[in-house]
């Protein structure tokens, strides 16, 4: 018996310059409300931007 596996794969290298050209930091405020998963996704996005694009912490 054989099975076909399908799924999403990002084949772009981790240093893809397009990320820095198209992405921007996600800012949150004290009034925002979201799940733990959403908070982790925002953190991952912003840390990736910091690592790849040099985004710095803002006082916003």
N, C-alpha and C. Protein backbone atom coordinates (compact mmCIF):
# COMPACT_ATOMS: atom_id res chain seq x y z
N UNK A 1 0.85 -1.16 0.00
CA UNK A 1 0.00 0.00 0.00
C UNK A 1 0.90 1.23 0.00
N UNK A 2 0.56 2.23 -0.81
CA UNK A 2 1.34 3.47 -0.85
C UNK A 2 0.41 4.66 -0.64
N UNK A 3 0.98 5.69 -0.07
CA UNK A 3 0.23 6.91 0.20
C UNK A 3 0.98 8.09 -0.39
N UNK A 4 0.24 9.02 -0.90
CA UNK A 4 0.84 10.26 -1.39
C UNK A 4 0.78 11.29 -0.26
N UNK A 5 1.90 11.88 0.02
CA UNK A 5 1.95 12.90 1.06
C UNK A 5 1.88 14.28 0.41
N UNK A 6 1.03 15.11 0.93
CA UNK A 6 0.93 16.47 0.43
C UNK A 6 1.04 17.44 1.59
N UNK A 7 1.43 18.63 1.30
CA UNK A 7 1.53 19.64 2.34
C UNK A 7 2.20 20.89 1.81
N UNK A 8 2.34 21.85 2.64
CA UNK A 8 2.98 23.11 2.26
C UNK A 8 4.44 23.09 2.68
N UNK A 9 5.28 23.49 1.78
CA UNK A 9 6.71 23.57 2.06
C UNK A 9 7.21 24.89 1.52
N UNK A 10 7.96 25.59 2.33
CA UNK A 10 8.59 26.83 1.88
C UNK A 10 9.99 26.49 1.44
N UNK A 11 10.25 26.56 0.15
CA UNK A 11 11.56 26.19 -0.37
C UNK A 11 12.50 27.39 -0.49
N UNK A 12 12.03 28.57 -0.09
CA UNK A 12 12.87 29.76 -0.16
C UNK A 12 13.96 29.68 0.90
N UNK A 13 15.15 30.14 0.58
CA UNK A 13 16.20 30.15 1.60
C UNK A 13 15.87 31.13 2.71
N UNK A 14 16.42 30.88 3.88
CA UNK A 14 16.13 31.72 5.05
C UNK A 14 16.60 33.16 4.86
N UNK A 15 17.50 33.38 3.92
CA UNK A 15 18.01 34.72 3.69
C UNK A 15 17.39 35.36 2.46
N UNK A 16 16.19 34.99 2.13
CA UNK A 16 15.48 35.51 0.97
C UNK A 16 15.30 37.02 1.10
N UNK A 17 15.93 37.82 0.21
CA UNK A 17 15.83 39.28 0.33
C UNK A 17 14.41 39.80 0.09
N UNK A 18 13.55 39.03 -0.55
CA UNK A 18 12.19 39.49 -0.79
C UNK A 18 11.44 39.70 0.51
N UNK A 19 11.76 38.92 1.54
CA UNK A 19 11.10 39.11 2.83
C UNK A 19 11.32 40.54 3.31
N UNK A 20 12.56 41.01 3.26
CA UNK A 20 12.89 42.35 3.76
C UNK A 20 12.28 43.45 2.90
N UNK A 21 12.05 43.16 1.63
CA UNK A 21 11.46 44.16 0.73
C UNK A 21 9.95 44.26 0.90
N UNK A 22 9.32 43.19 1.36
CA UNK A 22 7.86 43.17 1.39
C UNK A 22 7.26 43.13 2.79
N UNK A 23 8.01 42.69 3.77
CA UNK A 23 7.47 42.54 5.13
C UNK A 23 7.82 43.76 5.98
N UNK A 24 7.05 43.95 7.01
CA UNK A 24 7.34 45.01 7.98
C UNK A 24 6.95 44.49 9.36
N UNK A 25 7.49 45.11 10.40
CA UNK A 25 7.18 44.64 11.76
C UNK A 25 5.69 44.74 12.05
N UNK A 26 5.22 43.84 12.88
CA UNK A 26 3.84 43.88 13.35
C UNK A 26 3.86 44.50 14.74
N UNK A 27 3.17 45.61 14.90
CA UNK A 27 3.11 46.31 16.18
C UNK A 27 1.79 45.98 16.86
N UNK A 28 1.84 45.84 18.17
CA UNK A 28 0.63 45.57 18.95
C UNK A 28 0.49 46.66 20.00
N UNK A 29 -0.72 46.81 20.50
CA UNK A 29 -0.96 47.79 21.56
C UNK A 29 -1.60 47.08 22.75
N UNK A 30 -1.69 47.79 23.84
CA UNK A 30 -2.29 47.21 25.05
C UNK A 30 -3.76 46.87 24.83
N UNK A 31 -4.40 47.49 23.84
CA UNK A 31 -5.81 47.23 23.57
C UNK A 31 -6.04 46.00 22.70
N UNK A 32 -4.97 45.46 22.09
CA UNK A 32 -5.11 44.30 21.22
C UNK A 32 -5.40 43.04 22.03
N UNK A 33 -6.16 42.15 21.43
CA UNK A 33 -6.49 40.88 22.05
C UNK A 33 -6.33 39.78 21.01
N UNK A 34 -5.59 38.73 21.36
CA UNK A 34 -5.39 37.62 20.43
C UNK A 34 -5.02 36.36 21.20
N UNK A 35 -5.03 35.24 20.51
CA UNK A 35 -4.72 33.95 21.14
C UNK A 35 -3.22 33.81 21.35
N UNK A 36 -2.84 32.81 22.13
CA UNK A 36 -1.42 32.52 22.34
C UNK A 36 -0.74 32.17 21.02
N UNK A 37 -1.44 31.44 20.15
CA UNK A 37 -0.87 31.07 18.86
C UNK A 37 -0.58 32.32 18.02
N UNK A 38 -1.52 33.25 17.99
CA UNK A 38 -1.31 34.48 17.24
C UNK A 38 -0.13 35.27 17.81
N UNK A 39 -0.02 35.33 19.12
CA UNK A 39 1.10 36.03 19.75
C UNK A 39 2.42 35.39 19.36
N UNK A 40 2.48 34.06 19.34
CA UNK A 40 3.71 33.37 18.93
C UNK A 40 4.03 33.64 17.47
N UNK A 41 3.01 33.69 16.61
CA UNK A 41 3.23 33.95 15.19
C UNK A 41 3.76 35.37 14.98
N UNK A 42 3.23 36.34 15.70
CA UNK A 42 3.71 37.72 15.60
C UNK A 42 5.16 37.79 16.08
N UNK A 43 5.46 37.14 17.20
CA UNK A 43 6.82 37.14 17.72
C UNK A 43 7.78 36.50 16.72
N UNK A 44 7.40 35.38 16.15
CA UNK A 44 8.25 34.71 15.16
C UNK A 44 8.49 35.61 13.96
N UNK A 45 7.45 36.25 13.47
CA UNK A 45 7.57 37.16 12.33
C UNK A 45 8.54 38.30 12.65
N UNK A 46 8.36 38.92 13.81
CA UNK A 46 9.20 40.06 14.17
C UNK A 46 10.64 39.64 14.44
N UNK A 47 10.86 38.48 15.04
CA UNK A 47 12.22 38.00 15.26
C UNK A 47 12.91 37.66 13.94
N UNK A 48 12.15 37.11 13.00
CA UNK A 48 12.70 36.83 11.67
C UNK A 48 13.13 38.13 11.00
N UNK A 49 12.29 39.15 11.08
CA UNK A 49 12.65 40.45 10.52
C UNK A 49 13.86 41.06 11.19
N UNK A 50 13.97 40.87 12.49
CA UNK A 50 15.15 41.38 13.21
C UNK A 50 16.41 40.68 12.73
N UNK A 51 16.32 39.36 12.58
CA UNK A 51 17.49 38.57 12.17
C UNK A 51 17.87 38.82 10.71
N UNK A 52 16.90 38.85 9.83
CA UNK A 52 17.19 38.96 8.39
C UNK A 52 17.33 40.39 7.90
N UNK A 53 16.56 41.30 8.50
CA UNK A 53 16.46 42.65 7.94
C UNK A 53 17.00 43.73 8.87
N UNK A 54 17.38 43.36 10.08
CA UNK A 54 17.91 44.34 11.01
C UNK A 54 16.85 45.19 11.69
N UNK A 55 15.58 44.71 11.72
CA UNK A 55 14.55 45.47 12.41
C UNK A 55 14.97 45.65 13.86
N UNK A 56 14.73 46.84 14.37
CA UNK A 56 15.08 47.14 15.76
C UNK A 56 13.81 47.37 16.56
N UNK A 57 13.92 47.20 17.87
CA UNK A 57 12.79 47.43 18.76
C UNK A 57 12.40 48.90 18.68
N UNK A 58 11.10 49.14 18.62
CA UNK A 58 10.58 50.50 18.50
C UNK A 58 9.85 50.89 19.77
N UNK A 59 9.79 52.15 20.02
CA UNK A 59 9.06 52.66 21.18
C UNK A 59 7.60 52.87 20.92
N UNK A 60 7.10 52.34 19.80
CA UNK A 60 5.68 52.53 19.46
C UNK A 60 4.80 51.91 20.51
